[in-house]
C-alpha atoms as a PDB file:
ATOM      1  CA  MET A   1      -2.822  10.344  12.826  1.00  0.00           C
ATOM      2  CA  LEU A   2      -4.737  11.331   9.760  1.00  0.00           C
ATOM      3  CA  LYS A   3      -3.660   7.710   8.911  1.00  0.00           C
ATOM      4  CA  ALA A   4      -5.232   6.352  11.931  1.00  0.00           C
ATOM      5  CA  ASN A   5      -8.525   8.175  10.753  1.00  0.00           C
ATOM      6  CA  GLY A   6      -8.061   6.655   7.487  1.00  0.00           C
ATOM      7  CA  MET A   7      -7.060  10.104   5.942  1.00  0.00           C
ATOM      8  CA  VAL A   8      -4.303   9.784   4.110  1.00  0.00           C
ATOM      9  CA  GLY A   9      -2.610   6.890   3.026  1.00  0.00           C
ATOM     10  CA  GLU A  10       0.980   5.671   2.965  1.00  0.00           C
ATOM     11  CA  PHE A  11       1.847   8.547   1.408  1.00  0.00           C
ATOM     12  CA  GLU A  12       0.723  11.381   0.119  1.00  0.00           C
ATOM     13  CA  SER A  13       1.449  14.610  -1.365  1.00  0.00           C
ATOM     14  CA  PHE A  14      -0.637  16.607   1.427  1.00  0.00           C
ATOM     15  CA  TYR A  15       2.649  15.816   3.641  1.00  0.00           C
ATOM     16  CA  LEU A  16       5.297  17.403   1.164  1.00  0.00           C
ATOM     17  CA  ASP A  17       3.453  20.423   0.944  1.00  0.00           C
ATOM     18  CA  LEU A  18       2.674  20.537   4.826  1.00  0.00           C
ATOM     19  CA  SER A  19       6.053  20.034   5.202  1.00  0.00           C
ATOM     20  CA  HIS A  20       7.045  23.007   2.510  1.00  0.00           C
ATOM     21  CA  ARG A  21       4.400  25.533   3.903  1.00  0.00           C
ATOM     22  CA  MET A  22       5.710  24.906   7.848  1.00  0.00           C
ATOM     23  CA  ARG A  23       9.002  25.953   6.356  1.00  0.00           C
ATOM     24  CA  HIS A  24       7.965  29.321   4.806  1.00  0.00           C
ATOM     25  CA  GLY A  25       5.336  30.192   7.705  1.00  0.00           C
ATOM     26  CA  THR A  26       2.155  30.097   5.457  1.00  0.00           C
ATOM     27  CA  VAL A  27       0.762  27.492   8.081  1.00  0.00           C
ATOM     28  CA  ARG A  28      -0.099  27.050  11.442  1.00  0.00           C
ATOM     29  CA  CYS A  29      -0.232  23.406  13.317  1.00  0.00           C
ATOM     30  CA  ALA A  30      -2.091  22.921  16.502  1.00  0.00           C
ATOM     31  CA  GLY A  31      -1.803  19.427  18.878  1.00  0.00           C
ATOM     32  CA  VAL A  32      -4.065  18.356  22.312  1.00  0.00           C
ATOM     33  CA  SER A  33      -2.520  15.808  24.364  1.00  0.00           C
ATOM     34  CA  ALA A  34      -4.263  13.318  26.525  1.00  0.00           C
ATOM     35  CA  ASP A  35      -2.504  10.385  28.778  1.00  0.00           C
ATOM     36  CA  GLY A  36       0.511  12.282  28.252  1.00  0.00           C
ATOM     37  CA  LYS A  37       1.116  12.138  24.667  1.00  0.00           C
ATOM     38  CA  THR A  38      -0.439  14.127  21.375  1.00  0.00           C
ATOM     39  CA  VAL A  39      -4.326  13.085  20.532  1.00  0.00           C
ATOM     40  CA  ALA A  40      -5.660  15.718  18.145  1.00  0.00           C
ATOM     41  CA  VAL A  41      -3.813  17.935  15.872  1.00  0.00           C
ATOM     42  CA  ALA A  42      -5.206  20.086  13.236  1.00  0.00           C
ATOM     43  CA  ALA A  43      -3.547  22.415  10.538  1.00  0.00           C
ATOM     44  CA  ALA A  44      -4.245  26.197   8.574  1.00  0.00           C
ATOM     45  CA  VAL A  45      -2.952  27.258   5.816  1.00  0.00           C
ATOM     46  CA  LEU A  46      -3.020  30.939   5.985  1.00  0.00           C
ATOM     47  CA  GLY A  47      -4.330  32.941   2.882  1.00  0.00           C
ATOM     48  CA  GLU A  48      -4.452  37.526   2.333  1.00  0.00           C
ATOM     49  CA  SER A  49      -7.682  37.953   3.865  1.00  0.00           C
ATOM     50  CA  ALA A  50      -8.839  34.008   4.617  1.00  0.00           C
ATOM     51  CA  SER A  51      -7.360  30.741   6.790  1.00  0.00           C
ATOM     52  CA  LEU A  52      -7.809  26.973   5.807  1.00  0.00           C
ATOM     53  CA  ILE A  53      -8.529  24.724   8.648  1.00  0.00           C
ATOM     54  CA  SER A  54      -8.460  20.912   6.988  1.00  0.00           C
ATOM     55  CA  ALA A  55      -6.489  17.609   8.461  1.00  0.00           C
ATOM     56  CA  VAL A  56      -8.373  17.526  11.884  1.00  0.00           C
ATOM     57  CA  ALA A  57      -7.838  14.477  13.269  1.00  0.00           C
ATOM     58  CA  VAL A  58      -8.283  12.972  16.768  1.00  0.00           C
ATOM     59  CA  LEU A  59      -6.928   9.423  17.604  1.00  0.00           C
ATOM     60  CA  PRO A  60      -9.524   7.099  17.388  1.00  0.00           C
ATOM     61  CA  LYS A  61      -9.377   5.876  21.041  1.00  0.00           C
ATOM     62  CA  PHE A  62      -9.900   9.393  22.069  1.00  0.00           C
ATOM     63  CA  HIS A  63     -12.916   9.984  19.818  1.00  0.00           C
ATOM     64  CA  ARG A  64     -15.810  11.634  21.745  1.00  0.00           C
ATOM     65  CA  ARG A  65     -13.963  13.566  24.275  1.00  0.00           C
ATOM     66  CA  GLY A  66     -14.679  16.720  22.931  1.00  0.00           C
ATOM     67  CA  LEU A  67     -10.403  16.976  21.590  1.00  0.00           C
ATOM     68  CA  GLY A  68     -11.585  17.879  18.290  1.00  0.00           C
ATOM     69  CA  THR A  69     -13.090  20.384  19.183  1.00  0.00           C
ATOM     70  CA  ALA A  70     -10.367  21.586  21.460  1.00  0.00           C
ATOM     71  CA  VAL A  71      -8.069  21.253  18.568  1.00  0.00           C
ATOM     72  CA  VAL A  72     -10.132  23.484  16.561  1.00  0.00           C
ATOM     73  CA  ARG A  73     -10.569  26.151  19.193  1.00  0.00           C
ATOM     74  CA  LYS A  74      -6.779  26.101  19.527  1.00  0.00           C
ATOM     75  CA  MET A  75      -5.863  27.009  15.717  1.00  0.00           C
ATOM     76  CA  GLU A  76      -8.800  29.108  15.840  1.00  0.00           C
ATOM     77  CA  ARG A  77      -6.953  31.210  18.503  1.00  0.00           C
ATOM     78  CA  MET A  78      -2.920  30.785  16.291  1.00  0.00           C
ATOM     79  CA  LEU A  79      -4.875  32.708  12.788  1.00  0.00           C
ATOM     80  CA  PRO A  80      -5.180  35.767  12.224  1.00  0.00           C
ATOM     81  CA  SER A  81      -8.369  37.338  11.911  1.00  0.00           C
ATOM     82  CA  GLY A  82     -10.547  36.964   8.675  1.00  0.00           C
ATOM     83  CA  THR A  83     -12.567  34.491   6.938  1.00  0.00           C
ATOM     84  CA  VAL A  84     -12.391  31.102   8.297  1.00  0.00           C
ATOM     85  CA  TYR A  85     -12.921  27.805   6.127  1.00  0.00           C
ATOM     86  CA  ILE A  86     -13.322  24.368   6.631  1.00  0.00           C
ATOM     87  CA  LEU A  87     -11.518  21.504   4.120  1.00  0.00           C
ATOM     88  CA  ARG A  88     -13.563  18.385   4.971  1.00  0.00           C
ATOM     89  CA  GLU A  89     -14.548  15.506   3.745  1.00  0.00           C
ATOM     90  CA  GLU A  90     -18.451  15.879   1.627  1.00  0.00           C
ATOM     91  CA  SER A  91     -20.806  14.854   3.314  1.00  0.00           C
ATOM     92  CA  LYS A  92     -18.536  14.273   6.549  1.00  0.00           C
ATOM     93  CA  ASN A  93     -18.829  15.722  10.302  1.00  0.00           C
ATOM     94  CA  GLU A  94     -21.391  18.618   9.202  1.00  0.00           C
ATOM     95  CA  ALA A  95     -23.357  18.571  12.730  1.00  0.00           C
ATOM     96  CA  PHE A  96     -19.430  18.735  14.138  1.00  0.00           C
ATOM     97  CA  TYR A  97     -18.450  22.052  12.545  1.00  0.00           C
ATOM     98  CA  ASP A  98     -22.037  23.355  12.687  1.00  0.00           C
ATOM     99  CA  ALA A  99     -21.745  23.469  16.420  1.00  0.00           C
ATOM    100  CA  LEU A 100     -18.822  24.929  16.191  1.00  0.00           C
ATOM    101  CA  GLY A 101     -20.312  27.721  14.017  1.00  0.00           C
ATOM    102  CA  TYR A 102     -19.502  27.153  11.294  1.00  0.00           C
ATOM    103  CA  LYS A 103     -21.960  27.688   8.186  1.00  0.00           C
ATOM    104  CA  PRO A 104     -22.025  25.756   4.686  1.00  0.00           C
ATOM    105  CA  CYS A 105     -20.959  28.150   1.846  1.00  0.00           C
ATOM    106  CA  GLY A 106     -20.816  26.390  -1.019  1.00  0.00           C
ATOM    107  CA  ALA A 107     -18.431  23.423  -0.949  1.00  0.00           C
ATOM    108  CA  TRP A 108     -17.111  25.242   1.976  1.00  0.00           C
ATOM    109  CA  ALA A 109     -18.154  25.755   5.776  1.00  0.00           C
ATOM    110  CA  GLN A 110     -16.959  29.308   6.498  1.00  0.00           C
ATOM    111  CA  GLY A 111     -16.757  31.052  10.264  1.00  0.00           C
ATOM    112  CA  LYS A 112     -15.249  34.476  11.407  1.00  0.00           C
ATOM    113  CA  LEU A 113     -12.396  35.580  13.979  1.00  0.00           C
ATOM    114  CA  CYS A 114     -12.440  38.557  15.711  1.00  0.00           C
ATOM    115  CA  ASN A 115      -9.568  38.932  17.452  1.00  0.00           C
END
């Protein structure tokens, strides 16, 4: 799904890092299904007092259906309370994350969870 959105190449260190973090319980992954298959995904790295959501992707043919919002909200429900940062490509998806309540803070967009 990440590759379908031009987010990673054929082989990336991202995959190894994600696999390692999953085995050690320091990452959460979420997916949303439509038409019987997973069409949106997100991953978040857990820190001491903050989480970092990254790798938010929706299959191109399912864009503009609210699935990106759904997978981010699902991910947020899986995170501990505290500061949440978004890792995104510079100058991309600003309006999307703004609509979800994330505000720029330097090179990051930041939100607060109150679980």
